[in-house]
Amino acid sequence: MKRVIDIPISGPVVSSPDILSGTPVIKGSRIPAALVLELMRRGYSLQLIRTEYPSLSTRKLNDFLALISRSMDVRQPAV
């Protein structure tokens, strides 16, 4: 079952047709949220991600990770 996450426009991830054709990006940057997740999956530390992408502050990354964490904390109905 595919899950759809509603991304609030005022949150750490934003989407606009004017930025990367609507690809969800970290707010205040042009860095796709999916790229950050892929880098983490590959073992990049937050420090290394910040070094590679200086526009991503520690706060932006922490806010993004908090959003992802909250989205995973969804109770599934018992089967």
PDB file of N, CA and C in Angstrom:
ATOM      1  N   MET A   1       0.843  -1.173   0.000  1.00  0.00           N
ATOM      2  CA  MET A   1       0.000   0.000   0.000  1.00  0.00           C
ATOM      3  C   MET A   1       0.892   1.241   0.000  1.00  0.00           C
ATOM      4  N   LYS A   2       0.706   2.113  -0.958  1.00  0.00           N
ATOM      5  CA  LYS A   2       1.487   3.346  -1.059  1.00  0.00           C
ATOM      6  C   LYS A   2       0.891   4.393  -0.136  1.00  0.00           C
ATOM      7  N   ARG A   3       1.750   5.061   0.569  1.00  0.00           N
ATOM      8  CA  ARG A   3       1.322   6.073   1.511  1.00  0.00           C
ATOM      9  C   ARG A   3       1.635   7.453   0.954  1.00  0.00           C
ATOM     10  N   VAL A   4       0.695   8.352   1.045  1.00  0.00           N
ATOM     11  CA  VAL A   4       0.897   9.722   0.576  1.00  0.00           C
ATOM     12  C   VAL A   4       1.087  10.608   1.795  1.00  0.00           C
ATOM     13  N   ILE A   5       2.157  11.391   1.780  1.00  0.00           N
ATOM     14  CA  ILE A   5       2.428  12.309   2.882  1.00  0.00           C
ATOM     15  C   ILE A   5       2.120  13.720   2.412  1.00  0.00           C
ATOM     16  N   ASP A   6       1.267  14.400   3.140  1.00  0.00           N
ATOM     17  CA  ASP A   6       0.950  15.790   2.836  1.00  0.00           C
ATOM     18  C   ASP A   6       2.091  16.652   3.367  1.00  0.00           C
ATOM     19  N   ILE A   7       2.736  17.395   2.509  1.00  0.00           N
ATOM     20  CA  ILE A   7       3.868  18.221   2.914  1.00  0.00           C
ATOM     21  C   ILE A   7       3.380  19.647   3.138  1.00  0.00           C
ATOM     22  N   PRO A   8       3.401  20.101   4.405  1.00  0.00           N
ATOM     23  CA  PRO A   8       2.933  21.460   4.665  1.00  0.00           C
ATOM     24  C   PRO A   8       3.845  22.491   4.011  1.00  0.00           C
ATOM     25  N   ILE A   9       3.245  23.520   3.462  1.00  0.00           N
ATOM     26  CA  ILE A   9       4.010  24.533   2.740  1.00  0.00           C
ATOM     27  C   ILE A   9       4.913  25.320   3.685  1.00  0.00           C
ATOM     28  N   SER A  10       4.594  25.377   4.963  1.00  0.00           N
ATOM     29  CA  SER A  10       5.417  26.131   5.909  1.00  0.00           C
ATOM     30  C   SER A  10       6.416  25.241   6.647  1.00  0.00           C
ATOM     31  N   GLY A  11       6.490  23.964   6.289  1.00  0.00           N
ATOM     32  CA  GLY A  11       7.382  23.032   6.968  1.00  0.00           C
ATOM     33  C   GLY A  11       8.782  23.037   6.389  1.00  0.00           C
ATOM     34  N   PRO A  12       9.600  22.058   6.809  1.00  0.00           N
ATOM     35  CA  PRO A  12      10.991  21.998   6.363  1.00  0.00           C
ATOM     36  C   PRO A  12      11.172  21.532   4.920  1.00  0.00           C
ATOM     37  N   VAL A  13      10.109  21.002   4.322  1.00  0.00           N
ATOM     38  CA  VAL A  13      10.156  20.575   2.920  1.00  0.00           C
ATOM     39  C   VAL A  13       9.078  21.339   2.170  1.00  0.00           C
ATOM     40  N   VAL A  14       9.459  21.932   1.049  1.00  0.00           N
ATOM     41  CA  VAL A  14       8.497  22.698   0.259  1.00  0.00           C
ATOM     42  C   VAL A  14       8.531  22.241  -1.190  1.00  0.00           C
ATOM     43  N   SER A  15       7.458  22.524  -1.879  1.00  0.00           N
ATOM     44  CA  SER A  15       7.354  22.184  -3.292  1.00  0.00           C
ATOM     45  C   SER A  15       6.717  23.353  -4.018  1.00  0.00           C
ATOM     46  N   SER A  16       7.356  23.777  -5.087  1.00  0.00           N
ATOM     47  CA  SER A  16       6.851  24.887  -5.885  1.00  0.00           C
ATOM     48  C   SER A  16       7.167  24.602  -7.345  1.00  0.00           C
ATOM     49  N   PRO A  17       6.223  24.876  -8.247  1.00  0.00           N
ATOM     50  CA  PRO A  17       6.499  24.665  -9.663  1.00  0.00           C
ATOM     51  C   PRO A  17       7.706  25.473 -10.150  1.00  0.00           C
ATOM     52  N   ASP A  18       8.041  26.543  -9.429  1.00  0.00           N
ATOM     53  CA  ASP A  18       9.163  27.398  -9.825  1.00  0.00           C
ATOM     54  C   ASP A  18      10.527  26.857  -9.393  1.00  0.00           C
ATOM     55  N   ILE A  19      10.537  25.849  -8.530  1.00  0.00           N
ATOM     56  CA  ILE A  19      11.801  25.290  -8.031  1.00  0.00           C
ATOM     57  C   ILE A  19      11.877  23.823  -8.435  1.00  0.00           C
ATOM     58  N   LEU A  20      12.800  23.505  -9.311  1.00  0.00           N
ATOM     59  CA  LEU A  20      13.014  22.125  -9.784  1.00  0.00           C
ATOM     60  C   LEU A  20      11.721  21.451 -10.234  1.00  0.00           C
ATOM     61  N   SER A  21      10.894  22.202 -10.918  1.00  0.00           N
ATOM     62  CA  SER A  21       9.628  21.692 -11.480  1.00  0.00           C
ATOM     63  C   SER A  21       8.723  21.049 -10.436  1.00  0.00           C
ATOM     64  N   GLY A  22       8.766  21.567  -9.213  1.00  0.00           N
ATOM     65  CA  GLY A  22       7.879  21.066  -8.172  1.00  0.00           C
ATOM     66  C   GLY A  22       8.449  19.939  -7.330  1.00  0.00           C
ATOM     67  N   THR A  23       9.682  19.541  -7.591  1.00  0.00           N
ATOM     68  CA  THR A  23      10.318  18.508  -6.773  1.00  0.00           C
ATOM     69  C   THR A  23      10.407  19.005  -5.331  1.00  0.00           C
ATOM     70  N   PRO A  24      10.001  18.200  -4.339  1.00  0.00           N
ATOM     71  CA  PRO A  24      10.125  18.629  -2.944  1.00  0.00           C
ATOM     72  C   PRO A  24      11.592  18.885  -2.579  1.00  0.00           C
ATOM     73  N   VAL A  25      11.841  20.067  -2.030  1.00  0.00           N
ATOM     74  CA  VAL A  25      13.198  20.468  -1.653  1.00  0.00           C
ATOM     75  C   VAL A  25      13.216  20.890  -0.187  1.00  0.00           C
ATOM     76  N   ILE A  26      14.428  20.914   0.377  1.00  0.00           N
ATOM     77  CA  ILE A  26      14.593  21.435   1.724  1.00  0.00           C
ATOM     78  C   ILE A  26      14.345  22.941   1.660  1.00  0.00           C
ATOM     79  N   LYS A  27      13.477  23.426   2.538  1.00  0.00           N
ATOM     80  CA  LYS A  27      13.096  24.840   2.525  1.00  0.00           C
ATOM     81  C   LYS A  27      14.329  25.736   2.567  1.00  0.00           C
ATOM     82  N   GLY A  28      14.332  26.751   1.719  1.00  0.00           N
ATOM     83  CA  GLY A  28      15.433  27.702   1.657  1.00  0.00           C
ATOM     84  C   GLY A  28      16.598  27.227   0.811  1.00  0.00           C
ATOM     85  N   SER A  29      16.379  26.139   0.063  1.00  0.00           N
ATOM     86  CA  SER A  29      17.445  25.616  -0.799  1.00  0.00           C
ATOM     87  C   SER A  29      16.827  25.087  -2.087  1.00  0.00           C
ATOM     88  N   ARG A  30      17.671  24.611  -2.963  1.00  0.00           N
ATOM     89  CA  ARG A  30      17.213  23.923  -4.172  1.00  0.00           C
ATOM     90  C   ARG A  30      17.666  22.464  -4.110  1.00  0.00           C
ATOM     91  N   ILE A  31      17.842  21.971  -2.910  1.00  0.00           N
ATOM     92  CA  ILE A  31      18.341  20.612  -2.703  1.00  0.00           C
ATOM     93  C   ILE A  31      17.159  19.681  -2.470  1.00  0.00           C
ATOM     94  N   PRO A  32      16.973  18.704  -3.371  1.00  0.00           N
ATOM     95  CA  PRO A  32      15.837  17.791  -3.233  1.00  0.00           C
ATOM     96  C   PRO A  32      15.888  16.997  -1.924  1.00  0.00           C
ATOM     97  N   ALA A  33      14.741  16.893  -1.278  1.00  0.00           N
ATOM     98  CA  ALA A  33      14.645  16.122  -0.042  1.00  0.00           C
ATOM     99  C   ALA A  33      15.063  14.675  -0.283  1.00  0.00           C
ATOM    100  N   ALA A  34      14.690  14.119  -1.421  1.00  0.00           N
ATOM    101  CA  ALA A  34      15.045  12.727  -1.735  1.00  0.00           C
ATOM    102  C   ALA A  34      16.560  12.550  -1.832  1.00  0.00           C
ATOM    103  N   LEU A  35      17.270  13.575  -2.291  1.00  0.00           N
ATOM    104  CA  LEU A  35      18.730  13.495  -2.373  1.00  0.00           C
ATOM    105  C   LEU A  35      19.335  13.372  -0.978  1.00  0.00           C
ATOM    106  N   VAL A  36      18.840  14.164  -0.044  1.00  0.00           N
ATOM    107  CA  VAL A  36      19.355  14.103   1.326  1.00  0.00           C
ATOM    108  C   VAL A  36      19.125  12.709   1.907  1.00  0.00           C
ATOM    109  N   LEU A  37      17.940  12.160   1.692  1.00  0.00           N
ATOM    110  CA  LEU A  37      17.662  10.806   2.192  1.00  0.00           C
ATOM    111  C   LEU A  37      18.571   9.775   1.529  1.00  0.00           C
ATOM    112  N   GLU A  38      18.809   9.913   0.244  1.00  0.00           N
ATOM    113  CA  GLU A  38      19.684   8.977  -0.468  1.00  0.00           C
ATOM    114  C   GLU A  38      21.115   9.067   0.061  1.00  0.00           C
ATOM    115  N   LEU A  39      21.592  10.264   0.309  1.00  0.00           N
ATOM    116  CA  LEU A  39      22.938  10.419   0.862  1.00  0.00           C
ATOM    117  C   LEU A  39      23.039   9.755   2.233  1.00  0.00           C
ATOM    118  N   MET A  40      22.013   9.923   3.049  1.00  0.00           N
ATOM    119  CA  MET A  40      22.014   9.283   4.364  1.00  0.00           C
ATOM    120  C   MET A  40      21.974   7.765   4.225  1.00  0.00           C
ATOM    121  N   ARG A  41      21.200   7.270   3.275  1.00  0.00           N
ATOM    122  CA  ARG A  41      21.128   5.830   3.042  1.00  0.00           C
ATOM    123  C   ARG A  41      22.497   5.284   2.658  1.00  0.00           C
ATOM    124  N   ARG A  42      23.260   6.090   1.940  1.00  0.00           N
ATOM    125  CA  ARG A  42      24.600   5.673   1.513  1.00  0.00           C
ATOM    126  C   ARG A  42      25.651   5.843   2.604  1.00  0.00           C
ATOM    127  N   GLY A  43      25.233   6.331   3.764  1.00  0.00           N
ATOM    128  CA  GLY A  43      26.151   6.434   4.891  1.00  0.00           C
ATOM    129  C   GLY A  43      26.783   7.792   5.117  1.00  0.00           C
ATOM    130  N   TYR A  44      26.351   8.796   4.362  1.00  0.00           N
ATOM    131  CA  TYR A  44      26.884  10.143   4.577  1.00  0.00           C
ATOM    132  C   TYR A  44      26.447  10.639   5.961  1.00  0.00           C
ATOM    133  N   SER A  45      27.358  11.241   6.680  1.00  0.00           N
ATOM    134  CA  SER A  45      27.012  11.859   7.959  1.00  0.00           C
ATOM    135  C   SER A  45      26.357  13.215   7.686  1.00  0.00           C
ATOM    136  N   LEU A  46      25.655  13.725   8.690  1.00  0.00           N
ATOM    137  CA  LEU A  46      25.065  15.057   8.532  1.00  0.00           C
ATOM    138  C   LEU A  46      26.157  16.100   8.317  1.00  0.00           C
ATOM    139  N   GLN A  47      27.291  15.906   8.977  1.00  0.00           N
ATOM    140  CA  GLN A  47      28.429  16.825   8.804  1.00  0.00           C
ATOM    141  C   GLN A  47      28.893  16.837   7.346  1.00  0.00           C
ATOM    142  N   LEU A  48      29.022  15.655   6.744  1.00  0.00           N
ATOM    143  CA  LEU A  48      29.475  15.581   5.354  1.00  0.00           C
ATOM    144  C   LEU A  48      28.440  16.189   4.404  1.00  0.00           C
ATOM    145  N   ILE A  49      27.173  15.945   4.669  1.00  0.00           N
ATOM    146  CA  ILE A  49      26.114  16.535   3.838  1.00  0.00           C
ATOM    147  C   ILE A  49      26.201  18.057   3.918  1.00  0.00           C
ATOM    148  N   ARG A  50      26.403  18.582   5.128  1.00  0.00           N
ATOM    149  CA  ARG A  50      26.524  20.040   5.282  1.00  0.00           C
ATOM    150  C   ARG A  50      27.756  20.579   4.566  1.00  0.00           C
ATOM    151  N   THR A  51      28.836  19.809   4.566  1.00  0.00           N
ATOM    152  CA  THR A  51      30.051  20.232   3.864  1.00  0.00           C
ATOM    153  C   THR A  51      29.815  20.281   2.359  1.00  0.00           C
ATOM    154  N   GLU A  52      29.137  19.263   1.844  1.00  0.00           N
ATOM    155  CA  GLU A  52      28.859  19.194   0.407  1.00  0.00           C
ATOM    156  C   GLU A  52      27.802  20.211  -0.030  1.00  0.00           C
ATOM    157  N   TYR A  53      26.876  20.521   0.866  1.00  0.00           N
ATOM    158  CA  TYR A  53      25.767  21.433   0.556  1.00  0.00           C
ATOM    159  C   TYR A  53      25.686  22.502   1.655  1.00  0.00           C
ATOM    160  N   PRO A  54      26.536  23.522   1.591  1.00  0.00           N
ATOM    161  CA  PRO A  54      26.612  24.533   2.653  1.00  0.00           C
ATOM    162  C   PRO A  54      25.303  25.288   2.917  1.00  0.00           C
ATOM    163  N   SER A  55      24.381  25.287   1.962  1.00  0.00           N
ATOM    164  CA  SER A  55      23.108  25.985   2.197  1.00  0.00           C
ATOM    165  C   SER A  55      22.213  25.223   3.175  1.00  0.00           C
ATOM    166  N   LEU A  56      22.587  23.992   3.498  1.00  0.00           N
ATOM    167  CA  LEU A  56      21.814  23.207   4.467  1.00  0.00           C
ATOM    168  C   LEU A  56      22.400  23.403   5.861  1.00  0.00           C
ATOM    169  N   SER A  57      21.722  24.187   6.656  1.00  0.00           N
ATOM    170  CA  SER A  57      22.178  24.409   8.026  1.00  0.00           C
ATOM    171  C   SER A  57      21.828  23.195   8.888  1.00  0.00           C
ATOM    172  N   THR A  58      22.446  23.129  10.044  1.00  0.00           N
ATOM    173  CA  THR A  58      22.125  22.056  10.991  1.00  0.00           C
ATOM    174  C   THR A  58      20.644  22.102  11.334  1.00  0.00           C
ATOM    175  N   ARG A  59      20.121  23.284  11.520  1.00  0.00           N
ATOM    176  CA  ARG A  59      18.697  23.415  11.862  1.00  0.00           C
ATOM    177  C   ARG A  59      17.796  22.886  10.734  1.00  0.00           C
ATOM    178  N   LYS A  60      18.111  23.238   9.489  1.00  0.00           N
ATOM    179  CA  LYS A  60      17.305  22.754   8.360  1.00  0.00           C
ATOM    180  C   LYS A  60      17.319  21.229   8.302  1.00  0.00           C
ATOM    181  N   LEU A  61      18.504  20.646   8.487  1.00  0.00           N
ATOM    182  CA  LEU A  61      18.601  19.184   8.453  1.00  0.00           C
ATOM    183  C   LEU A  61      17.848  18.552   9.621  1.00  0.00           C
ATOM    184  N   ASN A  62      17.982  19.119  10.808  1.00  0.00           N
ATOM    185  CA  ASN A  62      17.268  18.577  11.965  1.00  0.00           C
ATOM    186  C   ASN A  62      15.759  18.691  11.800  1.00  0.00           C
ATOM    187  N   ASP A  63      15.289  19.813  11.277  1.00  0.00           N
ATOM    188  CA  ASP A  63      13.849  19.977  11.030  1.00  0.00           C
ATOM    189  C   ASP A  63      13.361  18.958  10.007  1.00  0.00           C
ATOM    190  N   PHE A  64      14.155  18.729   8.971  1.00  0.00           N
ATOM    191  CA  PHE A  64      13.808  17.744   7.949  1.00  0.00           C
ATOM    192  C   PHE A  64      13.736  16.345   8.561  1.00  0.00           C
ATOM    193  N   LEU A  65      14.729  15.987   9.356  1.00  0.00           N
ATOM    194  CA  LEU A  65      14.733  14.662   9.981  1.00  0.00           C
ATOM    195  C   LEU A  65      13.571  14.499  10.954  1.00  0.00           C
ATOM    196  N   ALA A  66      13.200  15.556  11.650  1.00  0.00           N
ATOM    197  CA  ALA A  66      12.045  15.498  12.550  1.00  0.00           C
ATOM    198  C   ALA A  66      10.766  15.236  11.757  1.00  0.00           C
ATOM    199  N   LEU A  67      10.634  15.874  10.595  1.00  0.00           N
ATOM    200  CA  LEU A  67       9.471  15.629   9.737  1.00  0.00           C
ATOM    201  C   LEU A  67       9.420  14.174   9.300  1.00  0.00           C
ATOM    202  N   ILE A  68      10.546  13.634   8.870  1.00  0.00           N
ATOM    203  CA  ILE A  68      10.598  12.239   8.439  1.00  0.00           C
ATOM    204  C   ILE A  68      10.262  11.322   9.603  1.00  0.00           C
ATOM    205  N   SER A  69      10.811  11.606  10.758  1.00  0.00           N
ATOM    206  CA  SER A  69      10.547  10.794  11.944  1.00  0.00           C
ATOM    207  C   SER A  69       9.061  10.795  12.290  1.00  0.00           C
ATOM    208  N   ARG A  70       8.447  11.975  12.273  1.00  0.00           N
ATOM    209  CA  ARG A  70       7.006  12.059  12.570  1.00  0.00           C
ATOM    210  C   ARG A  70       6.185  11.300  11.540  1.00  0.00           C
ATOM    211  N   SER A  71       6.596  11.352  10.280  1.00  0.00           N
ATOM    212  CA  SER A  71       5.819  10.677   9.235  1.00  0.00           C
ATOM    213  C   SER A  71       5.902   9.160   9.374  1.00  0.00           C
ATOM    214  N   MET A  72       6.959   8.655  10.003  1.00  0.00           N
ATOM    215  CA  MET A  72       7.111   7.216  10.204  1.00  0.00           C
ATOM    216  C   MET A  72       6.379   6.741  11.448  1.00  0.00           C
ATOM    217  N   ASP A  73       5.995   7.653  12.309  1.00  0.00           N
ATOM    218  CA  ASP A  73       5.330   7.306  13.560  1.00  0.00           C
ATOM    219  C   ASP A  73       3.818   7.291  13.373  1.00  0.00           C
ATOM    220  N   VAL A  74       3.375   6.487  12.435  1.00  0.00           N
ATOM    221  CA  VAL A  74       1.949   6.349  12.159  1.00  0.00           C
ATOM    222  C   VAL A  74       1.530   4.962  12.603  1.00  0.00           C
ATOM    223  N   ARG A  75       0.543   4.904  13.443  1.00  0.00           N
ATOM    224  CA  ARG A  75       0.062   3.617  13.948  1.00  0.00           C
ATOM    225  C   ARG A  75      -0.701   2.889  12.845  1.00  0.00           C
ATOM    226  N   GLN A  76      -0.310   1.662  12.607  1.00  0.00           N
ATOM    227  CA  GLN A  76      -0.984   0.837  11.608  1.00  0.00           C
ATOM    228  C   GLN A  76      -2.075   0.020  12.302  1.00  0.00           C
ATOM    229  N   PRO A  77      -3.237  -0.128  11.680  1.00  0.00           N
ATOM    230  CA  PRO A  77      -4.297  -0.929  12.297  1.00  0.00           C
ATOM    231  C   PRO A  77      -3.868  -2.390  12.398  1.00  0.00           C
ATOM    232  N   ALA A  78      -4.296  -3.037  13.470  1.00  0.00           N
ATOM    233  CA  ALA A  78      -3.989  -4.461  13.664  1.00  0.00           C
ATOM    234  C   ALA A  78      -4.713  -5.284  12.609  1.00  0.00           C
ATOM    235  N   VAL A  79      -4.039  -6.296  12.128  1.00  0.00           N
ATOM    236  CA  VAL A  79      -4.633  -7.153  11.091  1.00  0.00           C
ATOM    237  C   VAL A  79      -5.213  -8.383  11.724  1.00  0.00           C
TER     238      VAL A  79
END
